[in-house]
Protein backbone atom coordinates (compact mmCIF):
# COMPACT_ATOMS: atom_id res chain seq x y z
CA MET A 1 126.49 115.57 44.19
CA ALA A 2 129.11 116.33 47.38
CA THR A 3 128.01 114.62 51.00
CA TYR A 4 126.79 116.47 53.48
CA LYS A 5 127.13 114.51 57.17
CA THR A 6 125.41 116.61 59.47
CA ILE A 7 122.06 117.55 57.93
CA LYS A 8 119.03 117.75 59.55
CA TYR A 9 115.45 116.78 58.11
CA ILE A 10 112.28 118.28 59.33
CA VAL A 11 110.04 115.30 57.99
CA PRO A 12 106.41 116.36 57.56
CA THR A 13 103.40 113.64 58.32
CA GLU A 14 102.48 113.50 54.33
CA VAL A 15 105.91 112.39 53.53
CA VAL A 16 107.16 109.90 56.15
CA GLU A 17 106.99 107.10 53.44
CA HIS A 18 109.47 109.03 51.68
CA THR A 19 111.63 108.71 54.32
CA ASP A 20 113.45 105.34 53.41
CA SER A 21 115.51 107.34 50.53
CA ILE A 22 116.39 110.93 52.04
CA ASN A 23 119.49 109.61 53.81
CA ALA A 24 120.96 109.08 50.61
CA LEU A 25 120.38 112.98 49.67
CA ALA A 26 119.07 112.01 46.03
CA ASP A 27 115.99 114.12 46.55
CA VAL A 28 117.79 117.29 47.61
CA ASP A 29 117.27 120.29 45.11
CA THR A 30 120.57 121.74 45.21
CA SER A 31 120.44 123.67 41.93
CA THR A 32 118.97 126.91 43.59
CA ALA A 33 121.10 126.58 46.72
CA SER A 34 123.41 123.72 48.55
CA PRO A 35 122.70 123.07 52.15
CA THR A 36 125.72 123.92 54.14
CA GLU A 37 127.24 121.57 56.69
CA GLY A 38 125.01 121.59 59.27
CA GLN A 39 122.27 123.32 57.63
CA THR A 40 118.56 122.15 57.66
CA ILE A 41 116.34 120.99 54.76
CA LYS A 42 112.94 121.08 54.76
CA TRP A 43 110.04 119.40 51.79
CA ASN A 44 108.55 121.50 49.98
CA GLY A 45 105.73 119.17 48.17
CA THR A 46 108.17 117.92 45.57
CA ASN A 47 111.13 117.66 46.68
CA TRP A 48 114.15 118.64 49.72
CA VAL A 49 115.18 122.18 49.75
CA PRO A 50 117.87 124.11 52.02
CA GLY A 51 115.98 126.14 54.69
CA ASP A 52 116.49 126.68 58.12
CA ILE A 53 113.25 126.32 59.25
CA GLU A 54 113.78 124.90 62.80
CA GLU A 55 116.15 127.92 63.84
CA SER A 56 113.15 129.89 62.35
CA ALA A 57 110.99 127.98 64.16
CA SER A 58 112.47 128.94 67.43
CA GLY A 59 112.58 132.77 66.96
CA THR A 60 109.31 133.09 66.42
CA GLN A 61 106.80 130.84 68.23
CA LYS A 62 104.53 133.04 70.06
CA ALA A 63 101.61 132.67 72.77
CA ILE A 64 98.10 133.83 73.76
CA PHE A 65 96.40 134.10 77.31
CA GLY A 66 92.32 134.26 76.77
CA PHE A 67 89.19 134.84 78.57
CA GLY A 68 89.23 133.72 82.29
CA LYS A 69 87.53 135.75 85.04
CA SER A 70 88.42 138.93 86.64
CA ASP A 71 86.52 140.04 90.53
CA SER A 72 86.77 143.69 89.38
CA GLY A 73 85.13 142.99 86.02
CA GLY A 74 83.34 139.50 86.35
CA ARG A 75 83.80 136.93 82.94
CA THR A 76 86.20 138.03 80.16
CA ASN A 77 87.34 137.55 76.71
CA ILE A 78 89.90 139.79 76.69
CA THR A 79 93.48 138.33 75.15
CA ASN A 80 97.06 139.29 75.74
CA LEU A 81 99.56 138.12 72.88
CA VAL A 82 103.42 137.24 74.46
CA SER A 83 105.75 137.75 71.53
CA SER A 84 108.61 135.24 70.89
CA SER A 85 111.04 136.68 73.42
CA GLY A 86 108.57 136.08 76.43
CA VAL A 87 106.88 139.83 76.33
CA VAL A 88 103.00 140.20 77.59
CA ALA A 89 101.19 142.61 75.52
CA THR A 90 98.41 144.70 77.03
CA ASP A 91 94.73 143.70 77.03
CA THR A 92 92.89 142.62 73.53
CA THR A 93 88.85 142.61 73.82
CA GLY A 94 88.25 138.99 72.38
CA VAL A 95 85.44 137.78 70.78
CA GLY A 96 82.91 135.45 71.14
CA THR A 97 81.39 134.18 74.51
CA ALA A 98 83.31 135.71 77.63
CA ARG A 99 84.35 132.69 79.79
CA SER A 100 86.73 130.89 82.47
CA GLY A 101 87.54 127.42 83.40
CA LEU A 102 88.19 126.58 79.50
CA ALA A 103 90.95 125.32 78.16
CA ALA A 104 93.64 126.25 74.99
CA ALA A 105 95.63 124.50 72.47
CA GLY A 106 97.36 124.35 69.24
CA TYR A 107 96.72 122.85 65.99
CA GLY A 108 97.25 122.80 62.61
CA GLY A 109 101.49 123.50 63.65
CA ASP A 110 100.96 127.12 63.66
CA LYS A 111 97.44 127.77 65.06
CA ALA A 112 95.44 127.89 68.25
CA LEU A 113 92.09 126.58 69.65
CA PHE A 114 90.11 127.88 72.94
CA GLY A 115 87.34 125.34 74.10
CA PHE A 116 84.66 125.18 76.60
CA GLY A 117 84.08 126.78 79.66
CA TYR A 118 81.74 128.43 81.93
CA SER A 119 79.81 131.43 81.03
CA GLY A 120 78.15 132.14 84.31
CA SER A 121 74.64 132.69 82.21
CA SER A 122 71.72 130.93 82.25
CA GLY A 123 73.52 128.68 79.41
CA GLY A 124 76.03 128.11 81.96
CA ARG A 125 79.09 125.45 80.31
CA THR A 126 79.18 125.68 77.10
CA ASN A 127 81.22 123.46 74.37
CA ASN A 128 81.82 126.86 72.60
CA THR A 129 85.45 126.91 70.68
CA ASN A 130 87.44 129.98 68.94
CA LEU A 131 89.93 129.36 66.32
CA VAL A 132 93.18 131.40 66.81
CA SER A 133 94.97 132.49 63.84
CA ASN A 134 98.95 132.14 63.20
CA THR A 135 98.60 136.05 63.87
CA GLY A 136 96.72 135.78 66.88
CA VAL A 137 93.41 136.95 65.49
CA VAL A 138 90.36 135.00 67.36
CA SER A 139 87.66 133.88 65.93
CA THR A 140 83.97 134.06 67.08
CA ASP A 141 82.29 131.44 68.55
CA THR A 142 81.91 128.07 66.91
CA SER A 143 79.21 125.78 68.05
CA GLY A 144 81.48 122.77 69.67
CA VAL A 145 80.39 119.12 69.53
CA GLY A 146 80.28 117.00 72.60
CA LEU A 147 79.51 116.88 76.22
CA VAL A 148 79.30 120.69 77.85
CA ARG A 149 81.60 121.71 80.56
CA LEU A 150 84.77 123.18 82.33
CA GLY A 151 87.79 122.50 84.46
CA LEU A 152 89.23 120.86 81.64
CA ALA A 153 92.34 120.38 79.73
CA ALA A 154 94.11 121.05 76.45
CA SER A 155 97.33 119.54 74.42
CA GLY A 156 98.54 119.41 70.92
CA TYR A 157 99.67 115.94 69.61
CA GLY A 158 101.06 114.65 66.50
CA GLY A 159 102.61 117.57 65.37
CA ASP A 160 99.74 119.67 64.30
CA LYS A 161 96.73 118.23 65.93
CA ALA A 162 95.27 118.56 69.35
CA ILE A 163 92.92 116.78 72.08
CA PHE A 164 90.73 117.84 74.67
CA GLY A 165 89.99 115.83 78.06
CA PHE A 166 88.56 114.86 81.25
CA GLY A 167 86.55 118.28 82.86
CA ASN A 168 83.51 118.76 84.91
CA SER A 169 79.76 118.47 83.58
CA SER A 170 77.30 119.87 85.95
CA SER A 171 77.94 117.95 89.23
CA SER A 172 80.08 115.01 87.98
CA THR A 173 83.49 114.71 86.57
CA THR A 174 84.19 113.17 83.31
CA ASN A 175 87.13 111.24 81.23
CA ILE A 176 85.54 112.23 77.97
CA THR A 177 88.31 113.26 75.17
CA ASN A 178 87.44 115.11 71.79
CA LEU A 179 90.07 115.43 69.61
CA VAL A 180 90.80 118.23 67.16
CA SER A 181 91.75 117.85 63.69
CA ASN A 182 94.59 119.93 62.16
CA LEU A 183 91.78 122.11 60.71
CA GLY A 184 90.54 123.11 63.95
CA VAL A 185 87.50 120.40 63.65
CA VAL A 186 86.27 119.48 67.21
CA ALA A 187 85.26 115.68 66.88
CA THR A 188 82.21 113.80 69.18
CA ASP A 189 82.63 112.44 72.66
CA THR A 190 85.34 109.60 72.80
CA THR A 191 84.64 107.91 76.38
CA GLY A 192 88.49 108.21 78.00
CA VAL A 193 90.41 106.07 80.05
CA GLY A 194 91.48 106.65 84.11
CA THR A 195 90.38 108.68 86.62
CA ALA A 196 87.61 110.82 85.86
CA ARG A 197 88.38 114.82 87.26
CA GLY A 198 88.70 117.92 86.61
CA VAL A 199 90.77 121.15 86.97
CA LEU A 200 93.54 119.33 86.29
CA THR A 201 96.19 120.48 83.20
CA ALA A 202 97.86 119.14 79.83
CA THR A 203 100.79 119.92 77.88
CA GLY A 204 102.71 118.38 75.12
CA TYR A 205 106.41 116.54 75.31
CA GLY A 206 108.92 114.35 73.44
CA SER A 207 109.61 114.31 70.36
CA THR A 208 107.04 112.70 68.15
CA GLY A 209 104.23 114.78 69.23
CA GLN A 210 102.65 113.10 72.22
CA ALA A 211 101.18 114.74 75.16
CA ILE A 212 100.24 114.42 79.29
CA PHE A 213 97.43 115.08 81.36
CA GLY A 214 98.15 115.33 84.81
CA PHE A 215 96.71 115.92 88.30
CA GLY A 216 93.16 117.81 89.01
CA GLY A 217 90.69 116.73 91.44
CA THR A 218 87.81 114.25 91.54
CA THR A 219 84.38 114.66 94.01
CA ALA A 220 85.57 111.72 96.16
CA LEU A 221 89.54 111.56 96.34
CA GLY A 222 90.20 115.53 96.44
CA ALA A 223 93.16 116.11 95.02
CA VAL A 224 95.33 113.61 92.77
CA SER A 225 98.82 113.06 91.40
CA VAL A 226 97.43 110.60 88.38
CA THR A 227 98.55 111.48 84.79
CA ASN A 228 97.27 109.88 81.48
CA LEU A 229 100.12 109.25 78.83
CA VAL A 230 98.72 110.49 75.52
CA SER A 231 100.31 108.80 72.30
CA SER A 232 101.09 110.67 68.95
CA SER A 233 98.46 109.03 67.24
CA GLY A 234 95.64 110.48 70.06
CA VAL A 235 95.32 107.09 72.77
CA VAL A 236 94.79 108.16 75.75
CA ALA A 237 96.78 105.37 78.00
CA SER A 238 95.63 104.66 81.26
CA ASP A 239 95.85 105.80 84.57
CA THR A 240 99.91 105.90 86.11
CA THR A 241 100.46 106.91 89.44
CA GLY A 242 102.04 110.30 89.56
CA VAL A 243 104.76 112.01 91.97
CA GLY A 244 105.12 114.80 93.88
CA SER A 245 102.03 116.89 95.36
CA ALA A 246 98.77 115.84 94.73
CA ARG A 247 97.00 118.95 93.61
CA TYR A 248 94.61 120.74 91.10
CA ASN A 249 93.95 124.05 89.24
CA LEU A 250 97.54 124.10 88.06
CA ALA A 251 98.87 125.06 84.71
CA ALA A 252 101.37 123.35 82.37
CA SER A 253 103.40 123.75 79.39
CA GLY A 254 106.08 122.36 77.27
CA TYR A 255 109.53 123.43 77.45
CA GLY A 256 113.25 122.45 75.82
CA GLY A 257 111.84 121.16 72.38
CA ASP A 258 110.45 117.65 74.03
CA LYS A 259 110.17 118.55 78.21
CA ALA A 260 107.43 119.91 79.73
CA ILE A 261 106.61 121.13 83.36
CA PHE A 262 103.76 121.43 85.59
CA GLY A 263 103.53 123.94 87.89
CA TYR A 264 102.16 126.05 90.71
CA GLY A 265 98.33 125.03 91.77
CA ASP A 266 95.73 124.01 94.98
CA THR A 267 96.82 121.28 96.92
CA GLY A 268 93.66 121.53 99.26
CA GLN A 269 95.43 120.97 102.34
CA PHE A 270 95.23 123.75 104.72
CA SER A 271 98.18 123.12 106.74
CA THR A 272 100.39 123.57 103.18
CA GLY A 273 99.54 126.52 102.83
CA TYR A 274 96.86 125.73 100.28
CA TYR A 275 98.22 127.35 97.13
CA GLU A 276 101.70 126.14 95.58
CA ASN A 277 104.61 127.45 93.77
CA MET A 278 106.07 124.26 93.33
CA THR A 279 107.07 122.37 90.07
CA ASN A 280 107.63 119.24 88.38
CA LEU A 281 109.60 118.39 85.53
CA VAL A 282 108.24 115.96 82.54
CA SER A 283 111.44 113.88 81.05
CA ASN A 284 111.04 113.16 76.91
CA THR A 285 110.07 110.00 77.56
CA GLY A 286 106.76 111.15 79.87
CA VAL A 287 108.44 110.71 83.32
CA VAL A 288 107.28 112.94 86.12
CA ALA A 289 110.18 114.10 88.43
CA THR A 290 109.38 114.95 92.46
CA ASP A 291 108.78 117.65 93.48
CA THR A 292 110.59 121.12 93.21
CA THR A 293 109.88 123.87 95.38
CA GLY A 294 109.78 126.91 92.71
CA VAL A 295 109.78 130.72 92.82
CA GLY A 296 107.43 133.89 92.69
CA THR A 297 104.41 134.21 94.05
CA THR A 298 102.47 131.48 95.10
CA ARG A 299 98.62 130.77 93.08
CA LYS A 300 95.90 128.39 91.01
CA GLU A 301 93.90 129.00 88.24
CA LEU A 302 96.73 130.25 85.71
CA ALA A 303 97.56 129.78 82.46
CA ALA A 304 100.68 128.31 80.71
CA SER A 305 102.38 128.05 77.25
CA GLY A 306 105.38 127.60 75.42
CA TYR A 307 107.22 130.54 73.23
CA GLY A 308 110.11 131.14 71.39
CA GLY A 309 110.30 127.35 70.13
CA ASP A 310 112.11 125.91 73.37
CA LYS A 311 111.18 127.89 76.67
CA ALA A 312 107.70 128.57 78.41
CA ILE A 313 105.56 131.04 80.35
CA PHE A 314 103.32 131.06 83.75
CA GLY A 315 100.66 133.72 83.47
CA TYR A 316 98.03 135.00 85.58
CA GLY A 317 95.85 133.14 88.53
CA PHE A 318 94.48 134.57 91.97
CA ASN A 319 95.45 133.02 95.39
CA GLU A 320 93.22 134.32 98.92
CA ALA A 321 95.08 135.75 101.86
CA ASP A 322 92.52 135.87 104.73
CA TYR A 323 89.65 135.55 102.42
CA ASN A 324 90.73 138.16 100.20
CA ARG A 325 91.04 137.21 96.88
CA SER A 326 94.14 138.47 94.74
CA ASP A 327 93.44 138.52 90.94
CA PHE A 328 97.43 138.40 89.16
CA ASN A 329 98.52 139.09 85.99
CA LEU A 330 101.97 138.03 86.99
CA THR A 331 104.21 135.94 84.86
CA ASN A 332 106.98 133.79 85.37
CA LEU A 333 109.43 132.93 82.40
CA VAL A 334 110.80 129.27 81.75
CA SER A 335 114.19 128.81 80.20
CA ASN A 336 114.69 126.12 78.10
CA THR A 337 116.24 124.17 80.78
CA GLY A 338 113.15 124.16 82.91
CA VAL A 339 114.33 126.86 85.27
CA VAL A 340 111.34 128.93 86.72
CA ALA A 341 112.00 132.93 86.86
CA LEU A 342 111.14 135.37 89.52
CA ASP A 343 107.82 137.08 88.97
CA THR A 344 107.76 139.79 86.06
CA THR A 345 104.69 142.04 86.57
CA GLY A 346 102.45 141.46 83.79
CA VAL A 347 100.47 143.76 82.17
CA GLY A 348 96.21 143.78 80.96
CA THR A 349 93.73 142.54 83.64
CA GLY A 350 94.66 140.33 86.18
CA ARG A 351 92.51 137.35 86.43
CA TYR A 352 92.00 133.39 86.62
CA GLY A 353 90.11 130.84 84.95
CA LEU A 354 91.96 131.64 81.67
CA ALA A 355 93.73 129.10 79.16
CA ALA A 356 96.44 130.08 76.61
CA ALA A 357 98.27 128.43 73.90
CA GLY A 358 101.01 128.30 71.42
CA TYR A 359 100.63 129.63 67.76
CA SER A 360 101.99 130.93 64.71
CA THR A 361 106.28 129.73 64.16
CA THR A 362 105.95 130.96 60.67
CA ALA A 363 104.13 134.37 61.41
């Protein structure tokens, strides 16, 4: 058997115990097609076979914006799919309870999940969830578990699972978390750690499936720059005092394959103009950088997601000028080096208090 010096291994969780022997390539099936120099090989359930799945995934990951509130039409269940090249599609009328202040995350490797939020009806806060298939189809409501709340955050972790965390229930903020299995099943409440808060954000980072909750607001303290790292097994760490401007109602996404970016938001400080387009890059070890003055329209209550495998997109949101609210369908693309682009005029209904997630690395 030939020696392939630069073959890359994609190691799913279920074959971690097999990694001792793959370095010798003893289990690589070369009878059908031998791997070429630098090619990726993947596990097919029995052995390792050539297959450029890393390149394929990078080219096909899509995203979805969903739900939110429009001052012209109340709370919505509108969704907008985002192509793997960052193009935002026109409105699709969603299913399930129209609501705002919810969160979304990817799970299962190629699907997504919207959860919780505020319906504005007599029921108010919800723990409804809506699964999203790897073709972008949003399912009807699933009655969730755990504390009903809004203003929470969510992220993928561990490569194929997700976590909802924090939020506001009635008049109090919480540090409750709910783990989501790789089948989209939401677990009961886990009492979290760190500062209870709402209107924060979360995203994945790192090469082994970690996540980070960041920023937000508390009833007592106002805006904070606290972060909480999440391990690849879903364990939430105690507070890390963040850097940069404390703010809430911001958004976050992974980019570059193993890094992340927090962006935009509301500092609650009149002297600074309230709404921001500042960003904070996050290293692949979870270190949050100081403020970078962003580009594009300052706003809050927007959403963000990864797309295309290594890039990101911020979208929608609102700001107020002289108390006249403007709902935006603006988007800002983020390169795989963390550079935020100028505004792109979006499509669909301008709205805020929405959520976004990546989906489909295969479809």
